[in-house]
Amino acid sequence: MPEKSRVASYIRTWRLQGGQYWNAEMICGGEYLTDLIISFALINKEDGHSIYIPELKPLENGKPAFDIWNETAALKKRYPHLKINISVGGWGADGFSDMADDPKLRAAFSANVCDWLLKYNLDGVDIDWEYPVGPEGGQEIKSRPEDNRNYILLLQDLRDAVDALGAKTGKYYSLSTAVPAVGWFTTANYVASAAKITDALKLMAYDYYGAWKDATGHNSNLFCNPDDPSCWSTDRALEAYFNAGAPPEKIMLGAAFYGRAFQGVEGGPNGDGLFQPYKSISFGGGVDRAQINEFLKTGSGYTRYWDDYAKAPYLYNGNMWITYTDPEHIKLLAEYAKEKKLKGVFNWEYAHDMDAELLKVLSGN
């Protein structure tokens, strides 16, 4: 990646697969990162503007389940260059539409975010509103047609607030927003305005296939396979953002560090299960890197395939079909981001790749 390119990773606030919370000693890839994004803080339903992290609520002994700020402080000691940011929102996180529609709530939200930046020695805030306006078919969280205007007002209020805080502290605080790799978002929202206000639009270039589809398909393909009935890709998503006025230097390209598993898949005409109907979703729909490595071992029963049109790998054992990412795909994605002169890359999320195998490749090392 170019010298000034950013390499960011979201990291969960909830438990890892083994039941424990992550700690600073587990983070072995800090040297590959410029930014670590704590995910997620939520909007308090009671007052409509303050934010909180569920895992930080005190237990009966008065202590939180996860003392995340001690861990982030330890990370900053190990990796002094590392910027620690807080992301507000995530899939199914409500409260944005009502808050952004009310000038007083927007101001209170912005002030509360600044309190967090100061109190916890954070370096920036990321807004992960999924999604302003919403698709034509609707969504789980509340939305309204005015979201597109209010989204920009919220981002501008936040920009003004963090810049004012920075004028007092002598520190620059970043502001980014996560955006979906879907076409409707670029027509329903003012993408160019969002790009102008923020430091980065984080393009979530994944979740192209999953339980919402009738057939198997790639989770995060770079390009389109002509046989793909959905015919969508990261390249097409990026082009939609360019056409909507988002400049490349304001876009960070997202990489999926997880896979998706489909069960009850017939081989189809090519015998590899690609773009074939399935009976159910396995592993809760998500497969991490450690599981993938087990499936790649000799004797597992899985065969690895590579879709050279899509630039994406997949696994199949005659029944289970898995879309995932590997070093070959991640290397191509990083090179693609460089070729397009993007601001950088990021991933969802660190806990899916605790050994930093994919992160090292994503960073260009």
Protein backbone atom coordinates (compact mmCIF):
# COMPACT_ATOMS: atom_id res chain seq x y z
CA MET A 1 0.00 0.00 0.00
CA PRO A 2 1.17 3.62 -0.53
CA GLU A 3 2.89 5.22 2.43
CA LYS A 4 -0.12 7.30 3.48
CA SER A 5 -2.66 4.49 3.01
CA ARG A 6 -4.66 3.49 6.06
CA VAL A 7 -5.01 -0.10 7.21
CA ALA A 8 -7.81 -0.45 9.74
CA SER A 9 -9.48 -3.32 11.53
CA TYR A 10 -12.77 -3.40 13.35
CA ILE A 11 -12.64 -5.46 16.54
CA ARG A 12 -15.62 -6.79 18.46
CA THR A 13 -16.65 -5.89 22.00
CA TRP A 14 -18.40 -9.23 22.57
CA ARG A 15 -16.87 -12.59 23.44
CA LEU A 16 -14.65 -14.65 21.17
CA GLN A 17 -15.72 -18.13 20.06
CA GLY A 18 -13.99 -19.68 23.08
CA GLY A 19 -16.12 -17.60 25.44
CA GLN A 20 -13.44 -15.19 26.62
CA TYR A 21 -12.96 -11.53 25.71
CA TRP A 22 -9.90 -10.47 23.76
CA ASN A 23 -7.02 -8.74 25.52
CA ALA A 24 -4.06 -6.69 24.37
CA GLU A 25 -1.69 -9.66 24.45
CA MET A 26 -3.82 -11.44 21.85
CA ILE A 27 -3.37 -8.65 19.31
CA CYS A 28 -0.29 -9.76 17.38
CA GLY A 29 -0.83 -7.70 14.23
CA GLY A 30 -0.69 -4.16 15.56
CA GLU A 31 2.37 -3.41 13.43
CA TYR A 32 0.27 -3.96 10.29
CA LEU A 33 -2.44 -1.52 11.35
CA THR A 34 -2.85 2.23 11.39
CA ASP A 35 -6.27 2.08 13.07
CA LEU A 36 -8.18 -0.26 15.37
CA ILE A 37 -11.92 0.37 15.60
CA ILE A 38 -13.78 -0.72 18.74
CA SER A 39 -17.15 -2.11 17.67
CA PHE A 40 -19.74 -1.30 18.75
CA ALA A 41 -21.14 1.43 20.92
CA LEU A 42 -24.93 1.77 20.76
CA ILE A 43 -27.36 4.66 21.14
CA ASN A 44 -29.18 4.68 24.47
CA LYS A 45 -32.90 4.19 23.85
CA GLU A 46 -33.87 6.02 27.04
CA ASP A 47 -32.41 9.43 26.23
CA GLY A 48 -31.95 8.97 22.47
CA HIS A 49 -28.47 10.43 22.29
CA SER A 50 -25.90 9.01 24.72
CA ILE A 51 -23.81 6.00 23.73
CA TYR A 52 -22.83 2.89 25.65
CA ILE A 53 -21.14 -0.48 25.14
CA PRO A 54 -23.28 -3.35 26.53
CA GLU A 55 -20.22 -5.32 27.69
CA LEU A 56 -19.14 -2.39 29.87
CA LYS A 57 -22.24 -2.50 32.05
CA PRO A 58 -21.17 -3.30 35.65
CA LEU A 59 -21.76 -6.79 37.01
CA GLU A 60 -22.94 -7.50 40.56
CA ASN A 61 -19.40 -6.89 41.83
CA GLY A 62 -19.46 -3.42 40.28
CA LYS A 63 -16.89 -4.28 37.63
CA PRO A 64 -17.59 -4.53 33.89
CA ALA A 65 -17.56 -7.88 32.13
CA PHE A 66 -14.87 -6.58 29.80
CA ASP A 67 -12.48 -3.83 30.90
CA ILE A 68 -11.83 -2.75 27.35
CA TRP A 69 -10.18 0.59 28.14
CA ASN A 70 -7.38 -1.07 30.08
CA GLU A 71 -6.77 -3.27 27.05
CA THR A 72 -6.76 -0.38 24.58
CA ALA A 73 -4.36 1.55 26.86
CA ALA A 74 -2.05 -1.48 26.87
CA LEU A 75 -2.29 -1.68 23.08
CA LYS A 76 -1.23 1.95 22.75
CA LYS A 77 1.83 1.21 24.87
CA ARG A 78 2.76 -1.74 22.64
CA TYR A 79 1.96 0.08 19.40
CA PRO A 80 2.39 3.85 19.94
CA HIS A 81 1.51 4.59 16.32
CA LEU A 82 -1.89 2.86 16.55
CA LYS A 83 -5.02 5.00 16.41
CA ILE A 84 -7.91 3.66 18.51
CA ASN A 85 -11.36 4.68 17.30
CA ILE A 86 -14.90 3.96 18.46
CA SER A 87 -17.62 2.83 16.06
CA VAL A 88 -21.25 3.61 16.86
CA GLY A 89 -23.93 1.39 15.37
CA GLY A 90 -23.60 -1.91 13.55
CA TRP A 91 -26.17 -4.19 11.98
CA GLY A 92 -29.59 -3.83 13.65
CA ALA A 93 -28.47 -0.89 15.84
CA ASP A 94 -31.42 1.46 16.09
CA GLY A 95 -31.79 5.05 17.24
CA PHE A 96 -30.06 6.87 14.40
CA SER A 97 -33.12 8.03 12.48
CA ASP A 98 -34.84 9.70 15.45
CA MET A 99 -31.62 11.17 16.82
CA ALA A 100 -30.48 12.59 13.48
CA ASP A 101 -33.94 14.09 12.87
CA ASP A 102 -33.77 16.22 16.02
CA PRO A 103 -31.18 19.07 16.13
CA LYS A 104 -31.02 18.94 19.95
CA LEU A 105 -30.45 15.19 20.00
CA ARG A 106 -27.80 15.49 17.27
CA ALA A 107 -25.98 18.11 19.31
CA ALA A 108 -26.22 16.03 22.49
CA PHE A 109 -24.99 12.93 20.63
CA SER A 110 -22.02 14.82 19.21
CA ALA A 111 -21.16 16.19 22.65
CA ASN A 112 -21.36 12.72 24.18
CA VAL A 113 -19.08 11.29 21.49
CA CYS A 114 -16.55 14.02 22.28
CA ASP A 115 -16.77 13.13 25.97
CA TRP A 116 -15.81 9.55 25.05
CA LEU A 117 -12.93 10.67 22.85
CA LEU A 118 -11.52 12.72 25.70
CA LYS A 119 -12.25 10.34 28.58
CA TYR A 120 -10.90 7.18 26.93
CA ASN A 121 -8.05 8.75 24.95
CA LEU A 122 -9.61 7.79 21.62
CA ASP A 123 -8.51 9.08 18.24
CA GLY A 124 -11.72 9.19 16.26
CA VAL A 125 -15.28 8.07 15.72
CA ASP A 126 -16.84 5.88 13.04
CA ILE A 127 -20.58 6.03 12.28
CA ASP A 128 -22.01 2.67 11.23
CA TRP A 129 -25.65 3.55 10.58
CA GLU A 130 -27.11 0.56 8.72
CA TYR A 131 -28.80 2.31 6.93
CA PRO A 132 -30.07 5.84 6.40
CA VAL A 133 -33.28 5.75 4.29
CA GLY A 134 -32.94 1.98 3.85
CA PRO A 135 -33.65 -0.20 0.79
CA GLU A 136 -37.02 -0.20 -0.97
CA GLY A 137 -37.99 -3.44 0.77
CA GLY A 138 -37.52 -1.88 4.20
CA GLN A 139 -35.25 -2.86 7.07
CA GLU A 140 -35.32 -3.84 10.74
CA ILE A 141 -34.41 -0.44 12.19
CA LYS A 142 -36.51 2.72 11.94
CA SER A 143 -35.92 4.88 8.91
CA ARG A 144 -37.56 7.82 7.16
CA PRO A 145 -37.16 9.51 3.76
CA GLU A 146 -35.50 12.50 5.48
CA ASP A 147 -32.64 10.27 6.68
CA ASN A 148 -30.56 11.22 3.66
CA ARG A 149 -30.59 14.90 4.67
CA ASN A 150 -30.28 14.13 8.39
CA TYR A 151 -27.36 11.76 7.78
CA ILE A 152 -25.37 14.65 6.35
CA LEU A 153 -26.45 16.99 9.14
CA LEU A 154 -25.32 14.42 11.70
CA LEU A 155 -21.94 13.98 10.05
CA GLN A 156 -21.47 17.75 9.85
CA ASP A 157 -22.42 18.21 13.51
CA LEU A 158 -19.91 15.53 14.45
CA ARG A 159 -17.21 17.07 12.28
CA ASP A 160 -17.76 20.46 13.88
CA ALA A 161 -17.76 18.95 17.36
CA VAL A 162 -14.59 16.86 17.00
CA ASP A 163 -12.77 19.72 15.29
CA ALA A 164 -13.74 22.04 18.15
CA LEU A 165 -12.47 19.45 20.61
CA GLY A 166 -9.25 19.16 18.65
CA ALA A 167 -8.75 22.92 18.78
CA LYS A 168 -8.76 22.63 22.58
CA THR A 169 -6.60 19.52 22.90
CA GLY A 170 -4.23 20.11 19.98
CA LYS A 171 -5.12 16.67 18.58
CA TYR A 172 -6.78 15.72 15.30
CA TYR A 173 -9.81 13.44 15.68
CA SER A 174 -10.88 11.41 12.65
CA LEU A 175 -14.45 10.93 11.47
CA SER A 176 -15.45 8.07 9.20
CA THR A 177 -18.64 6.33 8.20
CA ALA A 178 -19.27 2.74 7.11
CA VAL A 179 -21.26 2.41 3.89
CA PRO A 180 -22.66 -0.68 2.13
CA ALA A 181 -21.43 -2.01 -1.19
CA VAL A 182 -24.88 -1.78 -2.76
CA GLY A 183 -26.20 0.39 -5.55
CA TRP A 184 -29.35 1.71 -3.90
CA PHE A 185 -27.37 3.49 -1.17
CA THR A 186 -25.59 5.71 -3.66
CA THR A 187 -28.88 6.94 -5.12
CA ALA A 188 -30.85 7.23 -1.86
CA ASN A 189 -28.14 9.15 0.02
CA TYR A 190 -25.85 12.11 -0.59
CA VAL A 191 -22.63 10.16 -0.93
CA ALA A 192 -20.54 13.03 -2.26
CA SER A 193 -21.50 15.22 0.71
CA ALA A 194 -20.69 12.44 3.18
CA ALA A 195 -17.28 11.98 1.55
CA LYS A 196 -16.55 15.71 1.75
CA ILE A 197 -17.31 15.90 5.47
CA THR A 198 -15.62 12.71 6.64
CA ASP A 199 -12.06 11.44 6.50
CA ALA A 200 -13.21 8.19 4.95
CA LEU A 201 -16.14 6.22 3.63
CA LYS A 202 -15.52 2.63 4.69
CA LEU A 203 -16.98 0.54 1.88
CA MET A 204 -18.22 -2.75 3.36
CA ALA A 205 -17.36 -4.86 0.32
CA TYR A 206 -18.83 -8.13 1.56
CA ASP A 207 -22.09 -9.94 2.33
CA TYR A 208 -22.98 -10.31 -1.34
CA TYR A 209 -24.33 -13.80 -0.64
CA GLY A 210 -25.86 -15.31 2.50
CA ALA A 211 -29.10 -16.59 4.01
CA TRP A 212 -31.04 -13.91 2.11
CA LYS A 213 -30.12 -15.57 -1.21
CA ASP A 214 -31.63 -18.71 -2.76
CA ALA A 215 -28.32 -20.11 -3.96
CA THR A 216 -24.65 -20.28 -3.05
CA GLY A 217 -22.35 -17.49 -4.16
CA HIS A 218 -19.31 -15.46 -3.23
CA ASN A 219 -19.34 -13.35 -0.08
CA SER A 220 -16.89 -10.74 -1.37
CA ASN A 221 -15.87 -11.29 -4.99
CA LEU A 222 -13.80 -8.57 -6.66
CA PHE A 223 -15.36 -9.03 -10.09
CA CYS A 224 -18.41 -10.71 -11.63
CA ASN A 225 -18.55 -14.27 -12.84
CA PRO A 226 -20.78 -14.30 -15.98
CA ASP A 227 -22.72 -17.21 -14.48
CA ASP A 228 -23.52 -15.29 -11.28
CA PRO A 229 -27.29 -14.59 -11.27
CA SER A 230 -26.79 -11.61 -8.96
CA CYS A 231 -24.00 -10.19 -11.10
CA TRP A 232 -22.65 -7.94 -8.32
CA SER A 233 -19.09 -7.35 -7.23
CA THR A 234 -16.76 -5.03 -5.33
CA ASP A 235 -15.67 -3.48 -8.61
CA ARG A 236 -19.25 -2.60 -9.53
CA ALA A 237 -19.95 -1.25 -6.04
CA LEU A 238 -16.88 0.97 -6.15
CA GLU A 239 -17.88 2.27 -9.56
CA ALA A 240 -21.30 3.19 -8.16
CA TYR A 241 -19.63 5.29 -5.45
CA PHE A 242 -17.35 6.98 -7.97
CA ASN A 243 -20.37 7.80 -10.15
CA ALA A 244 -22.13 9.26 -7.09
CA GLY A 245 -19.25 11.69 -6.54
CA ALA A 246 -17.15 9.96 -3.90
CA PRO A 247 -13.46 10.52 -4.74
CA PRO A 248 -11.11 7.52 -4.47
CA GLU A 249 -8.91 9.24 -1.87
CA LYS A 250 -11.88 9.26 0.52
CA ILE A 251 -12.77 5.56 0.18
CA MET A 252 -11.37 2.68 2.23
CA LEU A 253 -12.07 -0.77 0.81
CA GLY A 254 -13.33 -3.46 3.17
CA ALA A 255 -12.19 -7.08 3.29
CA ALA A 256 -14.12 -9.93 4.87
CA PHE A 257 -12.03 -12.00 7.27
CA TYR A 258 -14.82 -14.57 7.56
CA GLY A 259 -16.72 -16.97 5.35
CA ARG A 260 -20.26 -18.25 4.98
CA ALA A 261 -21.35 -21.87 4.89
CA PHE A 262 -24.26 -23.44 3.00
CA GLN A 263 -25.45 -27.00 3.63
CA GLY A 264 -27.30 -29.44 1.39
CA VAL A 265 -25.70 -28.25 -1.83
CA GLU A 266 -25.69 -30.38 -4.97
CA GLY A 267 -22.67 -30.26 -7.24
CA GLY A 268 -24.48 -28.78 -10.22
CA PRO A 269 -23.23 -28.93 -13.84
CA ASN A 270 -19.62 -28.22 -12.86
CA GLY A 271 -19.65 -30.45 -9.77
CA ASP A 272 -18.41 -27.68 -7.47
CA GLY A 273 -21.66 -26.37 -5.94
CA LEU A 274 -21.17 -22.79 -7.16
CA PHE A 275 -24.44 -20.85 -7.71
CA GLN A 276 -26.49 -23.88 -6.64
CA PRO A 277 -29.55 -24.08 -4.32
CA TYR A 278 -28.95 -25.03 -0.69
CA LYS A 279 -31.08 -26.44 2.12
CA SER A 280 -29.77 -24.54 5.15
CA ILE A 281 -27.12 -22.20 6.52
CA SER A 282 -24.40 -23.68 8.76
CA PHE A 283 -22.16 -22.27 11.52
CA GLY A 284 -24.67 -19.50 12.10
CA GLY A 285 -23.76 -18.25 8.66
CA GLY A 286 -20.22 -17.25 9.68
CA VAL A 287 -16.94 -19.18 9.49
CA ASP A 288 -13.67 -17.75 10.84
CA ARG A 289 -10.12 -18.25 9.63
CA ALA A 290 -9.27 -20.95 12.18
CA GLN A 291 -12.17 -23.10 10.97
CA ILE A 292 -11.22 -22.53 7.34
CA ASN A 293 -7.68 -23.70 8.04
CA GLU A 294 -9.08 -26.96 9.42
CA PHE A 295 -11.13 -27.49 6.26
CA LEU A 296 -8.03 -26.87 4.13
CA LYS A 297 -6.12 -29.72 5.76
CA THR A 298 -5.51 -32.93 3.84
CA GLY A 299 -8.18 -35.49 4.66
CA SER A 300 -10.86 -32.97 5.60
CA GLY A 301 -12.96 -33.99 2.60
CA TYR A 302 -13.06 -30.46 1.22
CA THR A 303 -11.72 -29.37 -2.14
CA ARG A 304 -10.57 -25.80 -2.67
CA TYR A 305 -11.72 -24.10 -5.85
CA TRP A 306 -10.75 -20.75 -7.33
CA ASP A 307 -13.15 -18.63 -9.42
CA ASP A 308 -10.80 -16.79 -11.73
CA TYR A 309 -13.56 -14.51 -13.01
CA ALA A 310 -14.55 -13.37 -9.53
CA LYS A 311 -11.04 -13.69 -8.01
CA ALA A 312 -12.52 -15.61 -5.09
CA PRO A 313 -11.90 -19.01 -3.44
CA TYR A 314 -14.49 -21.49 -2.19
CA LEU A 315 -14.65 -24.94 -0.60
CA TYR A 316 -16.93 -27.89 -1.31
CA ASN A 317 -17.19 -31.42 0.08
CA GLY A 318 -20.21 -32.70 -1.85
CA ASN A 319 -22.67 -31.29 0.69
CA MET A 320 -21.25 -28.24 2.45
CA TRP A 321 -20.29 -25.23 0.36
CA ILE A 322 -18.18 -22.41 1.87
CA THR A 323 -17.36 -18.98 0.50
CA TYR A 324 -14.35 -17.41 2.22
CA THR A 325 -11.26 -15.25 1.74
CA ASP A 326 -7.65 -16.35 1.71
CA PRO A 327 -4.22 -14.75 1.19
CA GLU A 328 -4.53 -15.01 -2.60
CA HIS A 329 -7.82 -13.10 -2.64
CA ILE A 330 -6.70 -10.56 0.00
CA LYS A 331 -3.50 -9.81 -1.92
CA LEU A 332 -5.50 -9.07 -5.05
CA LEU A 333 -7.89 -6.86 -3.08
CA ALA A 334 -5.01 -4.85 -1.61
CA GLU A 335 -3.44 -4.45 -5.04
CA TYR A 336 -6.81 -3.41 -6.46
CA ALA A 337 -7.19 -0.72 -3.77
CA LYS A 338 -3.72 0.57 -4.62
CA GLU A 339 -4.49 0.56 -8.35
CA LYS A 340 -7.68 2.55 -7.74
CA LYS A 341 -5.73 5.02 -5.55
CA LEU A 342 -8.04 4.51 -2.58
CA LYS A 343 -7.39 5.91 0.88
CA GLY A 344 -6.71 2.43 2.20
CA VAL A 345 -8.21 -0.85 3.32
CA PHE A 346 -9.91 -2.31 6.38
CA ASN A 347 -11.41 -5.59 7.52
CA TRP A 348 -14.30 -7.03 9.43
CA GLU A 349 -13.10 -8.11 11.87
CA TYR A 350 -9.91 -8.84 13.82
CA ALA A 351 -11.27 -11.75 15.88
CA HIS A 352 -11.89 -13.80 12.71
CA ASP A 353 -8.14 -13.83 12.06
CA MET A 354 -6.47 -13.77 15.49
CA ASP A 355 -3.11 -14.88 14.08
CA ALA A 356 -3.10 -11.87 11.71
CA GLU A 357 -2.44 -14.15 8.74
CA LEU A 358 -4.77 -12.24 6.43
CA LEU A 359 -4.07 -8.87 8.04
CA LYS A 360 -0.38 -9.12 7.16
CA VAL A 361 -1.27 -9.69 3.49
CA LEU A 362 -3.90 -6.92 3.51
CA SER A 363 -1.31 -4.44 4.79
CA GLY A 364 1.07 -5.28 1.95
CA ASN A 365 3.66 -6.99 4.13
